[in-house]
Amino acid sequence: MKMLLCCLAVAAILSAPALPAPALAAEPANYEADARLSGGNPPTIPHKVADDASGQFCNSCHRAGLKGAPKTPHPERLICTQCHVRSDTGAPGPAARKGKTRK
């Protein structure tokens, strides 16, 4: 019985390289673009957002829909970039244009 198990173990080890390995390189390099293409995801942020921007800063415009910003359906959630992908391709937000820090 031990001999059979040893033979099976050796056969498994020798045949392992013949199996297809998961392709780690096939993973998408641009996660933001991938997220934008996935249906049902939260919308992307179309303007620049500071790394330290808080939901308080975002809600200054999005709570009431000021300056054409879409009203948020969930103002109690304050970590916006947890779900919304920053595109950083649009114009800077109001505080960034004025050189203010976002807190």
C-alpha atoms as a PDB file:
ATOM      1  CA  MET A   1       0.000   0.000   0.000  1.00  0.00           C
ATOM      2  CA  LYS A   2       2.860   2.360   0.887  1.00  0.00           C
ATOM      3  CA  MET A   3       4.549   1.526  -2.392  1.00  0.00           C
ATOM      4  CA  LEU A   4       1.396   2.388  -4.343  1.00  0.00           C
ATOM      5  CA  LEU A   5       1.055   5.744  -2.551  1.00  0.00           C
ATOM      6  CA  CYS A   6       4.716   6.538  -3.192  1.00  0.00           C
ATOM      7  CA  CYS A   7       4.303   5.711  -6.888  1.00  0.00           C
ATOM      8  CA  LEU A   8       1.202   7.905  -7.131  1.00  0.00           C
ATOM      9  CA  ALA A   9       3.000  10.770  -5.382  1.00  0.00           C
ATOM     10  CA  VAL A  10       5.959  10.549  -7.748  1.00  0.00           C
ATOM     11  CA  ALA A  11       3.636  10.396 -10.762  1.00  0.00           C
ATOM     12  CA  ALA A  12       1.744  13.448  -9.534  1.00  0.00           C
ATOM     13  CA  ILE A  13       4.962  15.418  -9.046  1.00  0.00           C
ATOM     14  CA  LEU A  14       6.292  14.456 -12.459  1.00  0.00           C
ATOM     15  CA  SER A  15       3.042  15.284 -14.272  1.00  0.00           C
ATOM     16  CA  ALA A  16       2.480  18.633 -12.531  1.00  0.00           C
ATOM     17  CA  PRO A  17       4.580  20.676 -15.016  1.00  0.00           C
ATOM     18  CA  ALA A  18       2.443  19.315 -17.869  1.00  0.00           C
ATOM     19  CA  LEU A  19      -0.685  20.912 -16.398  1.00  0.00           C
ATOM     20  CA  PRO A  20      -1.536  24.455 -17.499  1.00  0.00           C
ATOM     21  CA  ALA A  21      -0.427  26.960 -14.861  1.00  0.00           C
ATOM     22  CA  PRO A  22      -2.660  29.919 -14.053  1.00  0.00           C
ATOM     23  CA  ALA A  23      -1.517  32.816 -16.181  1.00  0.00           C
ATOM     24  CA  LEU A  24      -0.647  35.607 -13.798  1.00  0.00           C
ATOM     25  CA  ALA A  25       0.428  37.825 -16.668  1.00  0.00           C
ATOM     26  CA  ALA A  26      -3.058  37.565 -18.198  1.00  0.00           C
ATOM     27  CA  GLU A  27      -4.456  39.722 -15.375  1.00  0.00           C
ATOM     28  CA  PRO A  28      -5.464  43.193 -16.597  1.00  0.00           C
ATOM     29  CA  ALA A  29      -2.765  45.793 -16.034  1.00  0.00           C
ATOM     30  CA  ASN A  30      -5.184  48.720 -15.934  1.00  0.00           C
ATOM     31  CA  TYR A  31      -7.680  48.057 -13.150  1.00  0.00           C
ATOM     32  CA  GLU A  32      -9.370  51.449 -13.568  1.00  0.00           C
ATOM     33  CA  ALA A  33     -10.188  50.824 -17.235  1.00  0.00           C
ATOM     34  CA  ASP A  34     -11.386  47.326 -16.376  1.00  0.00           C
ATOM     35  CA  ALA A  35     -13.665  48.723 -13.668  1.00  0.00           C
ATOM     36  CA  ARG A  36     -15.112  51.320 -16.041  1.00  0.00           C
ATOM     37  CA  LEU A  37     -16.025  48.598 -18.534  1.00  0.00           C
ATOM     38  CA  SER A  38     -17.773  46.381 -15.980  1.00  0.00           C
ATOM     39  CA  GLY A  39     -21.516  46.830 -15.904  1.00  0.00           C
ATOM     40  CA  GLY A  40     -23.278  47.726 -12.660  1.00  0.00           C
ATOM     41  CA  ASN A  41     -20.236  49.314 -11.043  1.00  0.00           C
ATOM     42  CA  PRO A  42     -20.346  52.724  -9.352  1.00  0.00           C
ATOM     43  CA  PRO A  43     -19.559  55.595 -11.726  1.00  0.00           C
ATOM     44  CA  THR A  44     -15.982  56.802 -12.027  1.00  0.00           C
ATOM     45  CA  ILE A  45     -14.897  60.148 -10.616  1.00  0.00           C
ATOM     46  CA  PRO A  46     -14.508  62.381 -13.710  1.00  0.00           C
ATOM     47  CA  HIS A  47     -12.199  64.914 -12.045  1.00  0.00           C
ATOM     48  CA  LYS A  48      -8.920  64.811 -10.167  1.00  0.00           C
ATOM     49  CA  VAL A  49      -9.166  63.819  -6.509  1.00  0.00           C
ATOM     50  CA  ALA A  50      -6.408  64.230  -3.946  1.00  0.00           C
ATOM     51  CA  ASP A  51      -5.174  61.022  -2.339  1.00  0.00           C
ATOM     52  CA  ASP A  52      -6.211  62.317   1.077  1.00  0.00           C
ATOM     53  CA  ALA A  53      -9.652  63.536  -0.037  1.00  0.00           C
ATOM     54  CA  SER A  54     -12.373  62.517   2.379  1.00  0.00           C
ATOM     55  CA  GLY A  55     -16.055  61.939   1.893  1.00  0.00           C
ATOM     56  CA  GLN A  56     -16.628  65.210   3.755  1.00  0.00           C
ATOM     57  CA  PHE A  57     -14.851  67.013   0.907  1.00  0.00           C
ATOM     58  CA  CYS A  58     -16.788  65.086  -1.754  1.00  0.00           C
ATOM     59  CA  ASN A  59     -20.093  65.692   0.023  1.00  0.00           C
ATOM     60  CA  SER A  60     -19.485  69.460   0.003  1.00  0.00           C
ATOM     61  CA  CYS A  61     -20.693  69.363  -3.618  1.00  0.00           C
ATOM     62  CA  HIS A  62     -22.356  65.954  -4.004  1.00  0.00           C
ATOM     63  CA  ARG A  63     -24.688  66.102  -0.976  1.00  0.00           C
ATOM     64  CA  ALA A  64     -26.764  68.913  -2.488  1.00  0.00           C
ATOM     65  CA  GLY A  65     -25.741  68.593  -6.141  1.00  0.00           C
ATOM     66  CA  LEU A  66     -23.865  71.907  -6.272  1.00  0.00           C
ATOM     67  CA  LYS A  67     -22.170  73.054  -9.491  1.00  0.00           C
ATOM     68  CA  GLY A  68     -23.823  70.285 -11.501  1.00  0.00           C
ATOM     69  CA  ALA A  69     -22.405  67.470  -9.352  1.00  0.00           C
ATOM     70  CA  PRO A  70     -24.739  64.458  -9.192  1.00  0.00           C
ATOM     71  CA  LYS A  71     -26.435  64.097  -5.811  1.00  0.00           C
ATOM     72  CA  THR A  72     -25.148  61.163  -3.836  1.00  0.00           C
ATOM     73  CA  PRO A  73     -27.708  58.557  -2.774  1.00  0.00           C
ATOM     74  CA  HIS A  74     -25.547  57.669   0.235  1.00  0.00           C
ATOM     75  CA  PRO A  75     -23.968  60.750   1.911  1.00  0.00           C
ATOM     76  CA  GLU A  76     -23.261  58.749   5.058  1.00  0.00           C
ATOM     77  CA  ARG A  77     -20.512  56.765   3.295  1.00  0.00           C
ATOM     78  CA  LEU A  78     -17.305  58.745   3.592  1.00  0.00           C
ATOM     79  CA  ILE A  79     -14.655  56.604   1.858  1.00  0.00           C
ATOM     80  CA  CYS A  80     -15.669  57.426  -1.701  1.00  0.00           C
ATOM     81  CA  THR A  81     -12.633  55.930  -3.454  1.00  0.00           C
ATOM     82  CA  GLN A  82     -13.358  52.574  -1.862  1.00  0.00           C
ATOM     83  CA  CYS A  83     -16.023  52.052  -4.534  1.00  0.00           C
ATOM     84  CA  HIS A  84     -15.591  54.879  -7.048  1.00  0.00           C
ATOM     85  CA  VAL A  85     -12.538  54.641  -9.288  1.00  0.00           C
ATOM     86  CA  ARG A  86     -10.536  57.820  -9.741  1.00  0.00           C
ATOM     87  CA  SER A  87     -10.066  58.549 -13.426  1.00  0.00           C
ATOM     88  CA  ASP A  88      -7.729  61.529 -12.935  1.00  0.00           C
ATOM     89  CA  THR A  89      -8.262  62.460 -16.557  1.00  0.00           C
ATOM     90  CA  GLY A  90     -10.639  65.364 -16.130  1.00  0.00           C
ATOM     91  CA  ALA A  91     -10.124  68.868 -14.826  1.00  0.00           C
ATOM     92  CA  PRO A  92      -9.054  69.224 -11.204  1.00  0.00           C
ATOM     93  CA  GLY A  93     -11.777  69.629  -8.611  1.00  0.00           C
ATOM     94  CA  PRO A  94     -12.489  73.089  -7.120  1.00  0.00           C
ATOM     95  CA  ALA A  95     -10.059  72.790  -4.186  1.00  0.00           C
ATOM     96  CA  ALA A  96      -7.237  71.539  -6.392  1.00  0.00           C
ATOM     97  CA  ARG A  97      -7.661  74.502  -8.774  1.00  0.00           C
ATOM     98  CA  LYS A  98      -7.368  76.942  -5.872  1.00  0.00           C
ATOM     99  CA  GLY A  99      -4.327  75.156  -4.427  1.00  0.00           C
ATOM    100  CA  LYS A 100      -6.103  74.197  -1.211  1.00  0.00           C
ATOM    101  CA  THR A 101      -5.534  70.937   0.593  1.00  0.00           C
ATOM    102  CA  ARG A 102      -8.475  68.583   0.836  1.00  0.00           C
ATOM    103  CA  LYS A 103      -9.357  67.324   4.270  1.00  0.00           C
END
